[in-house]
Structure formats: C-alpha cells, structure tokens
PDB file of N, CA and C in Angstrom:
ATOM      1  N   MET A   1     127.194  90.483 154.799  1.00  0.00           N
ATOM      2  CA  MET A   1     125.896  90.556 154.187  1.00  0.00           C
ATOM      3  C   MET A   1     126.025  91.279 152.847  1.00  0.00           C
ATOM      4  N   ASN A   2     125.480  90.712 151.787  1.00  0.00           N
ATOM      5  CA  ASN A   2     125.585  91.274 150.444  1.00  0.00           C
ATOM      6  C   ASN A   2     124.401  92.204 150.199  1.00  0.00           C
ATOM      7  N   GLN A   3     124.700  93.513 150.059  1.00  0.00           N
ATOM      8  CA  GLN A   3     123.640  94.485 149.823  1.00  0.00           C
ATOM      9  C   GLN A   3     123.779  95.049 148.419  1.00  0.00           C
ATOM     10  N   THR A   4     122.657  95.206 147.763  1.00  0.00           N
ATOM     11  CA  THR A   4     122.667  95.831 146.444  1.00  0.00           C
ATOM     12  C   THR A   4     122.396  97.316 146.609  1.00  0.00           C
ATOM     13  N   PRO A   5     123.077  98.153 145.834  1.00  0.00           N
ATOM     14  CA  PRO A   5     122.853  99.593 145.960  1.00  0.00           C
ATOM     15  C   PRO A   5     121.459  99.981 145.485  1.00  0.00           C
ATOM     16  N   ASN A   6     120.920 101.026 146.082  1.00  0.00           N
ATOM     17  CA  ASN A   6     119.613 101.542 145.706  1.00  0.00           C
ATOM     18  C   ASN A   6     119.777 102.368 144.434  1.00  0.00           C
ATOM     19  N   MET A   7     119.251 101.859 143.324  1.00  0.00           N
ATOM     20  CA  MET A   7     119.386 102.546 142.047  1.00  0.00           C
ATOM     21  C   MET A   7     118.171 103.441 141.827  1.00  0.00           C
ATOM     22  N   ASN A   8     118.395 104.710 141.629  1.00  0.00           N
ATOM     23  CA  ASN A   8     117.326 105.647 141.341  1.00  0.00           C
ATOM     24  C   ASN A   8     117.357 105.917 139.835  1.00  0.00           C
ATOM     25  N   TRP A   9     116.520 105.212 139.073  1.00  0.00           N
ATOM     26  CA  TRP A   9     116.563 105.272 137.608  1.00  0.00           C
ATOM     27  C   TRP A   9     116.052 106.602 137.064  1.00  0.00           C
ATOM     28  N   GLN A  10     115.273 107.347 137.801  1.00  0.00           N
ATOM     29  CA  GLN A  10     114.739 108.607 137.300  1.00  0.00           C
ATOM     30  C   GLN A  10     115.826 109.681 137.188  1.00  0.00           C
ATOM     31  N   ASN A  11     116.858 109.624 137.990  1.00  0.00           N
ATOM     32  CA  ASN A  11     117.875 110.663 138.001  1.00  0.00           C
ATOM     33  C   ASN A  11     119.072 110.350 137.110  1.00  0.00           C
ATOM     34  N   GLN A  12     119.112 109.177 136.510  1.00  0.00           N
ATOM     35  CA  GLN A  12     120.242 108.834 135.664  1.00  0.00           C
ATOM     36  C   GLN A  12     120.041 109.391 134.266  1.00  0.00           C
ATOM     37  N   GLN A  13     121.143 109.817 133.636  1.00  0.00           N
ATOM     38  CA  GLN A  13     121.082 110.372 132.294  1.00  0.00           C
ATOM     39  C   GLN A  13     121.087 109.249 131.281  1.00  0.00           C
ATOM     40  N   ASN A  14     120.480 109.501 130.149  1.00  0.00           N
ATOM     41  CA  ASN A  14     120.454 108.523 129.067  1.00  0.00           C
ATOM     42  C   ASN A  14     121.823 108.502 128.400  1.00  0.00           C
ATOM     43  N   PRO A  15     122.524 107.365 128.399  1.00  0.00           N
ATOM     44  CA  PRO A  15     123.867 107.322 127.814  1.00  0.00           C
ATOM     45  C   PRO A  15     123.860 107.424 126.298  1.00  0.00           C
ATOM     46  N   LEU A  16     122.706 107.260 125.638  1.00  0.00           N
ATOM     47  CA  LEU A  16     122.654 107.354 124.186  1.00  0.00           C
ATOM     48  C   LEU A  16     122.544 108.787 123.685  1.00  0.00           C
ATOM     49  N   GLN A  17     122.158 109.720 124.548  1.00  0.00           N
ATOM     50  CA  GLN A  17     122.070 111.112 124.139  1.00  0.00           C
ATOM     51  C   GLN A  17     123.442 111.769 124.266  1.00  0.00           C
ATOM     52  N   PRO A  18     123.869 112.501 123.223  1.00  0.00           N
ATOM     53  CA  PRO A  18     125.160 113.178 123.318  1.00  0.00           C
ATOM     54  C   PRO A  18     125.106 114.312 124.334  1.00  0.00           C
ATOM     55  N   GLN A  19     126.039 114.335 125.223  1.00  0.00           N
ATOM     56  CA  GLN A  19     126.081 115.374 126.247  1.00  0.00           C
ATOM     57  C   GLN A  19     127.062 116.453 125.818  1.00  0.00           C
ATOM     58  N   GLY A  20     126.668 117.692 125.932  1.00  0.00           N
ATOM     59  CA  GLY A  20     127.567 118.798 125.652  1.00  0.00           C
ATOM     60  C   GLY A  20     127.701 119.137 124.183  1.00  0.00           C
ATOM     61  N   PHE A  21     126.768 118.713 123.313  1.00  0.00           N
ATOM     62  CA  PHE A  21     126.837 119.093 121.909  1.00  0.00           C
ATOM     63  C   PHE A  21     126.503 120.565 121.776  1.00  0.00           C
ATOM     64  N   ARG A  22     127.306 121.280 121.023  1.00  0.00           N
ATOM     65  CA  ARG A  22     127.043 122.691 120.742  1.00  0.00           C
ATOM     66  C   ARG A  22     127.396 122.943 119.281  1.00  0.00           C
ATOM     67  N   CYS A  23     126.444 123.492 118.534  1.00  0.00           N
ATOM     68  CA  CYS A  23     126.659 123.785 117.119  1.00  0.00           C
ATOM     69  C   CYS A  23     127.733 124.870 116.983  1.00  0.00           C
ATOM     70  N   PRO A  24     128.731 124.662 116.119  1.00  0.00           N
ATOM     71  CA  PRO A  24     129.772 125.676 115.951  1.00  0.00           C
ATOM     72  C   PRO A  24     129.280 126.922 115.219  1.00  0.00           C
ATOM     73  N   TYR A  25     128.125 126.876 114.589  1.00  0.00           N
ATOM     74  CA  TYR A  25     127.608 128.022 113.842  1.00  0.00           C
ATOM     75  C   TYR A  25     126.641 128.875 114.657  1.00  0.00           C
ATOM     76  N   CYS A  26     125.632 128.229 115.271  1.00  0.00           N
ATOM     77  CA  CYS A  26     124.611 128.990 115.995  1.00  0.00           C
ATOM     78  C   CYS A  26     124.696 128.839 117.508  1.00  0.00           C
ATOM     79  N   GLN A  27     125.612 128.011 118.006  1.00  0.00           N
ATOM     80  CA  GLN A  27     125.831 127.763 119.439  1.00  0.00           C
ATOM     81  C   GLN A  27     124.619 127.136 120.118  1.00  0.00           C
ATOM     82  N   SER A  28     123.725 126.533 119.346  1.00  0.00           N
ATOM     83  CA  SER A  28     122.543 125.878 119.891  1.00  0.00           C
ATOM     84  C   SER A  28     122.913 124.501 120.441  1.00  0.00           C
ATOM     85  N   GLN A  29     122.157 124.038 121.433  1.00  0.00           N
ATOM     86  CA  GLN A  29     122.345 122.700 121.983  1.00  0.00           C
ATOM     87  C   GLN A  29     121.188 121.792 121.584  1.00  0.00           C
ATOM     88  N   ALA A  30     120.544 122.093 120.446  1.00  0.00           N
ATOM     89  CA  ALA A  30     119.371 121.344 119.998  1.00  0.00           C
ATOM     90  C   ALA A  30     119.715 119.940 119.524  1.00  0.00           C
ATOM     91  N   GLY A  31     120.954 119.673 119.181  1.00  0.00           N
ATOM     92  CA  GLY A  31     121.349 118.358 118.709  1.00  0.00           C
ATOM     93  C   GLY A  31     121.541 118.342 117.205  1.00  0.00           C
ATOM     94  N   SER A  32     121.760 117.169 116.682  1.00  0.00           N
ATOM     95  CA  SER A  32     121.991 117.038 115.244  1.00  0.00           C
ATOM     96  C   SER A  32     121.193 115.863 114.700  1.00  0.00           C
ATOM     97  N   TYR A  33     121.074 115.825 113.394  1.00  0.00           N
ATOM     98  CA  TYR A  33     120.454 114.701 112.711  1.00  0.00           C
ATOM     99  C   TYR A  33     121.293 114.380 111.487  1.00  0.00           C
ATOM    100  N   PHE A  34     121.093 113.203 110.908  1.00  0.00           N
ATOM    101  CA  PHE A  34     121.872 112.850 109.736  1.00  0.00           C
ATOM    102  C   PHE A  34     120.971 112.434 108.585  1.00  0.00           C
ATOM    103  N   VAL A  35     121.500 112.632 107.375  1.00  0.00           N
ATOM    104  CA  VAL A  35     120.830 112.217 106.151  1.00  0.00           C
ATOM    105  C   VAL A  35     121.749 111.217 105.479  1.00  0.00           C
ATOM    106  N   SER A  36     121.216 110.066 105.132  1.00  0.00           N
ATOM    107  CA  SER A  36     121.996 109.012 104.491  1.00  0.00           C
ATOM    108  C   SER A  36     121.637 108.989 103.014  1.00  0.00           C
ATOM    109  N   LYS A  37     122.659 109.032 102.155  1.00  0.00           N
ATOM    110  CA  LYS A  37     122.424 108.972 100.710  1.00  0.00           C
ATOM    111  C   LYS A  37     123.527 108.149 100.061  1.00  0.00           C
ATOM    112  N   ILE A  38     123.297 107.751  98.816  1.00  0.00           N
ATOM    113  CA  ILE A  38     124.279 106.953  98.084  1.00  0.00           C
ATOM    114  C   ILE A  38     125.476 107.839  97.765  1.00  0.00           C
ATOM    115  N   SER A  39     126.670 107.339  98.066  1.00  0.00           N
ATOM    116  CA  SER A  39     127.887 108.113  97.854  1.00  0.00           C
ATOM    117  C   SER A  39     128.245 108.167  96.373  1.00  0.00           C
ATOM    118  N   THR A  40     129.151 109.071  96.039  1.00  0.00           N
ATOM    119  CA  THR A  40     129.633 109.195  94.672  1.00  0.00           C
ATOM    120  C   THR A  40     130.312 107.900  94.224  1.00  0.00           C
ATOM    121  N   GLN A  41     131.082 107.293  95.101  1.00  0.00           N
ATOM    122  CA  GLN A  41     131.729 106.017  94.778  1.00  0.00           C
ATOM    123  C   GLN A  41     130.688 104.927  94.510  1.00  0.00           C
ATOM    124  N   GLY A  42     129.576 104.987  95.219  1.00  0.00           N
ATOM    125  CA  GLY A  42     128.505 104.021  94.999  1.00  0.00           C
ATOM    126  C   GLY A  42     127.907 104.135  93.609  1.00  0.00           C
ATOM    127  N   TRP A  43     127.700 105.381  93.153  1.00  0.00           N
ATOM    128  CA  TRP A  43     127.185 105.586  91.796  1.00  0.00           C
ATOM    129  C   TRP A  43     128.180 105.090  90.750  1.00  0.00           C
ATOM    130  N   ILE A  44     129.466 105.324  90.971  1.00  0.00           N
ATOM    131  CA  ILE A  44     130.491 104.871  90.024  1.00  0.00           C
ATOM    132  C   ILE A  44     130.529 103.349  89.963  1.00  0.00           C
ATOM    133  N   VAL A  45     130.496 102.696  91.125  1.00  0.00           N
ATOM    134  CA  VAL A  45     130.496 101.233  91.163  1.00  0.00           C
ATOM    135  C   VAL A  45     129.251 100.694  90.470  1.00  0.00           C
ATOM    136  N   MET A  46     128.108 101.328  90.710  1.00  0.00           N
ATOM    137  CA  MET A  46     126.864 100.885  90.080  1.00  0.00           C
ATOM    138  C   MET A  46     126.965 100.977  88.566  1.00  0.00           C
ATOM    139  N   LEU A  47     127.512 102.065  88.023  1.00  0.00           N
ATOM    140  CA  LEU A  47     127.639 102.216  86.575  1.00  0.00           C
ATOM    141  C   LEU A  47     128.603 101.201  85.973  1.00  0.00           C
ATOM    142  N   ILE A  48     129.731 100.967  86.652  1.00  0.00           N
ATOM    143  CA  ILE A  48     130.707  99.992  86.154  1.00  0.00           C
ATOM    144  C   ILE A  48     130.119  98.584  86.156  1.00  0.00           C
ATOM    145  N   LEU A  49     129.434  98.229  87.242  1.00  0.00           N
ATOM    146  CA  LEU A  49     128.817  96.900  87.301  1.00  0.00           C
ATOM    147  C   LEU A  49     127.654  96.778  86.332  1.00  0.00           C
ATOM    148  N   LEU A  50     126.957  97.871  86.069  1.00  0.00           N
ATOM    149  CA  LEU A  50     125.865  97.845  85.107  1.00  0.00           C
ATOM    150  C   LEU A  50     126.385  97.521  83.705  1.00  0.00           C
ATOM    151  N   LEU A  51     127.567  98.045  83.387  1.00  0.00           N
ATOM    152  CA  LEU A  51     128.159  97.801  82.066  1.00  0.00           C
ATOM    153  C   LEU A  51     128.802  96.418  81.947  1.00  0.00           C
ATOM    154  N   PHE A  52     129.485  95.966  82.995  1.00  0.00           N
ATOM    155  CA  PHE A  52     130.290  94.754  82.892  1.00  0.00           C
ATOM    156  C   PHE A  52     129.712  93.526  83.589  1.00  0.00           C
ATOM    157  N   CYS A  53     128.889  93.721  84.578  1.00  0.00           N
ATOM    158  CA  CYS A  53     128.332  92.579  85.317  1.00  0.00           C
ATOM    159  C   CYS A  53     126.922  92.944  85.789  1.00  0.00           C
ATOM    160  N   PHE A  54     125.981  92.937  84.835  1.00  0.00           N
ATOM    161  CA  PHE A  54     124.628  93.434  85.081  1.00  0.00           C
ATOM    162  C   PHE A  54     123.954  92.871  86.329  1.00  0.00           C
ATOM    163  N   PRO A  55     124.035  91.567  86.629  1.00  0.00           N
ATOM    164  CA  PRO A  55     123.297  91.057  87.794  1.00  0.00           C
ATOM    165  C   PRO A  55     123.741  91.647  89.136  1.00  0.00           C
ATOM    166  N   LEU A  56     124.934  92.238  89.196  1.00  0.00           N
ATOM    167  CA  LEU A  56     125.426  92.767  90.477  1.00  0.00           C
ATOM    168  C   LEU A  56     125.427  94.292  90.544  1.00  0.00           C
ATOM    169  N   PHE A  57     124.739  94.978  89.637  1.00  0.00           N
ATOM    170  CA  PHE A  57     124.775  96.446  89.623  1.00  0.00           C
ATOM    171  C   PHE A  57     124.240  97.062  90.904  1.00  0.00           C
ATOM    172  N   TRP A  58     123.353  96.350  91.619  1.00  0.00           N
ATOM    173  CA  TRP A  58     122.712  96.868  92.833  1.00  0.00           C
ATOM    174  C   TRP A  58     123.692  97.029  93.993  1.00  0.00           C
ATOM    175  N   VAL A  59     124.872  96.436  93.912  1.00  0.00           N
ATOM    176  CA  VAL A  59     125.845  96.521  95.002  1.00  0.00           C
ATOM    177  C   VAL A  59     126.265  97.977  95.242  1.00  0.00           C
ATOM    178  N   GLY A  60     126.322  98.783  94.204  1.00  0.00           N
ATOM    179  CA  GLY A  60     126.669 100.199  94.356  1.00  0.00           C
ATOM    180  C   GLY A  60     125.694 100.962  95.234  1.00  0.00           C
ATOM    181  N   PHE A  61     124.435 100.525  95.261  1.00  0.00           N
ATOM    182  CA  PHE A  61     123.433 101.197  96.084  1.00  0.00           C
ATOM    183  C   PHE A  61     123.636 100.958  97.577  1.00  0.00           C
ATOM    184  N   LEU A  62     124.465 100.010  97.945  1.00  0.00           N
ATOM    185  CA  LEU A  62     124.741  99.733  99.356  1.00  0.00           C
ATOM    186  C   LEU A  62     125.812 100.655  99.926  1.00  0.00           C
ATOM    187  N   MET A  63     126.506 101.382  99.072  1.00  0.00           N
ATOM    188  CA  MET A  63     127.590 102.277  99.516  1.00  0.00           C
ATOM    189  C   MET A  63     126.987 103.635  99.838  1.00  0.00           C
ATOM    190  N   LYS A  64     126.788 103.897 101.111  1.00  0.00           N
ATOM    191  CA  LYS A  64     126.124 105.127 101.543  1.00  0.00           C
ATOM    192  C   LYS A  64     127.062 105.996 102.362  1.00  0.00           C
ATOM    193  N   GLU A  65     126.722 107.288 102.418  1.00  0.00           N
ATOM    194  CA  GLU A  65     127.442 108.229 103.264  1.00  0.00           C
ATOM    195  C   GLU A  65     126.431 108.977 104.119  1.00  0.00           C
ATOM    196  N   GLU A  66     126.836 109.302 105.325  1.00  0.00           N
ATOM    197  CA  GLU A  66     125.964 110.027 106.251  1.00  0.00           C
ATOM    198  C   GLU A  66     126.480 111.447 106.410  1.00  0.00           C
ATOM    199  N   THR A  67     125.574 112.412 106.292  1.00  0.00           N
ATOM    200  CA  THR A  67     125.906 113.812 106.469  1.00  0.00           C
ATOM    201  C   THR A  67     125.112 114.326 107.662  1.00  0.00           C
ATOM    202  N   TYR A  68     125.791 114.960 108.604  1.00  0.00           N
ATOM    203  CA  TYR A  68     125.151 115.456 109.817  1.00  0.00           C
ATOM    204  C   TYR A  68     124.820 116.940 109.691  1.00  0.00           C
ATOM    205  N   TYR A  69     123.644 117.328 110.221  1.00  0.00           N
ATOM    206  CA  TYR A  69     123.168 118.703 110.176  1.00  0.00           C
ATOM    207  C   TYR A  69     122.708 119.130 111.567  1.00  0.00           C
ATOM    208  N   CYS A  70     122.800 120.427 111.847  1.00  0.00           N
ATOM    209  CA  CYS A  70     122.291 120.999 113.100  1.00  0.00           C
ATOM    210  C   CYS A  70     120.789 121.062 113.035  1.00  0.00           C
ATOM    211  N   ARG A  71     120.106 120.694 114.116  1.00  0.00           N
ATOM    212  CA  ARG A  71     118.635 120.757 114.150  1.00  0.00           C
ATOM    213  C   ARG A  71     118.123 122.201 114.168  1.00  0.00           C
ATOM    214  N   SER A  72     118.892 123.101 114.666  1.00  0.00           N
ATOM    215  CA  SER A  72     118.427 124.473 114.813  1.00  0.00           C
ATOM    216  C   SER A  72     118.653 125.306 113.552  1.00  0.00           C
ATOM    217  N   CYS A  73     119.887 125.373 113.060  1.00  0.00           N
ATOM    218  CA  CYS A  73     120.211 126.251 111.918  1.00  0.00           C
ATOM    219  C   CYS A  73     120.339 125.509 110.596  1.00  0.00           C
ATOM    220  N   GLN A  74     120.241 124.179 110.605  1.00  0.00           N
ATOM    221  CA  GLN A  74     120.294 123.342 109.404  1.00  0.00           C
ATOM    222  C   GLN A  74     121.639 123.402 108.676  1.00  0.00           C
ATOM    223  N   MET A  75     122.701 123.847 109.324  1.00  0.00           N
ATOM    224  CA  MET A  75     124.018 123.913 108.705  1.00  0.00           C
ATOM    225  C   MET A  75     124.666 122.525 108.743  1.00  0.00           C
ATOM    226  N   LYS A  76     125.456 122.226 107.700  1.00  0.00           N
ATOM    227  CA  LYS A  76     126.167 120.943 107.610  1.00  0.00           C
ATOM    228  C   LYS A  76     127.318 120.931 108.605  1.00  0.00           C
ATOM    229  N   LEU A  77     127.396 119.858 109.388  1.00  0.00           N
ATOM    230  CA  LEU A  77     128.469 119.710 110.376  1.00  0.00           C
ATOM    231  C   LEU A  77     129.524 118.798 109.801  1.00  0.00           C
ATOM    232  N   SER A  78     130.776 119.050 110.126  1.00  0.00           N
ATOM    233  CA  SER A  78     131.852 118.206 109.581  1.00  0.00           C
ATOM    234  C   SER A  78     132.072 116.972 110.408  1.00  0.00           C
TER     235      SER A  78
END
C-alpha cells in the first residue's frame, strides 16, 4: 500500500531565509540587506561608449554591483 507522509507545513523552516547569520561587528542575528548601484567599470564603459558609439552608451548602466549591509548596525559586510 502506497502511503504519503503527513507533512506538517507549519513546523518547516523557510529555505529562503539564511539560517545562522551573525554580524561580525555587532553579533546581531537581524539579517542583512543589499544596495545595488552602478559599478565603477560600468561608468567607464558608459563614458567610452558615449564617446565612440553613442547609441550604445546605456550598456554601462547594466553593470551593477551589490553591497551587503547589516540590518542592525548598518556596517558593510564583505
């Protein structure tokens, strides 16, 4: 007889939440967030394309970098 296991969804942890995160500066477990901005290389590519190939200058704006910060102490995480 094929039986399916009884799944209790209320007791399962969310796999998308990081487990065991601890800030190296304040030792908080509040988590982190990120800020996305155009990288230095993106600005350089944008300037070069602006000078030599004007219709494609916007490609530099697609080059982004993400910087992570602690939610509690706002310190930059590596």
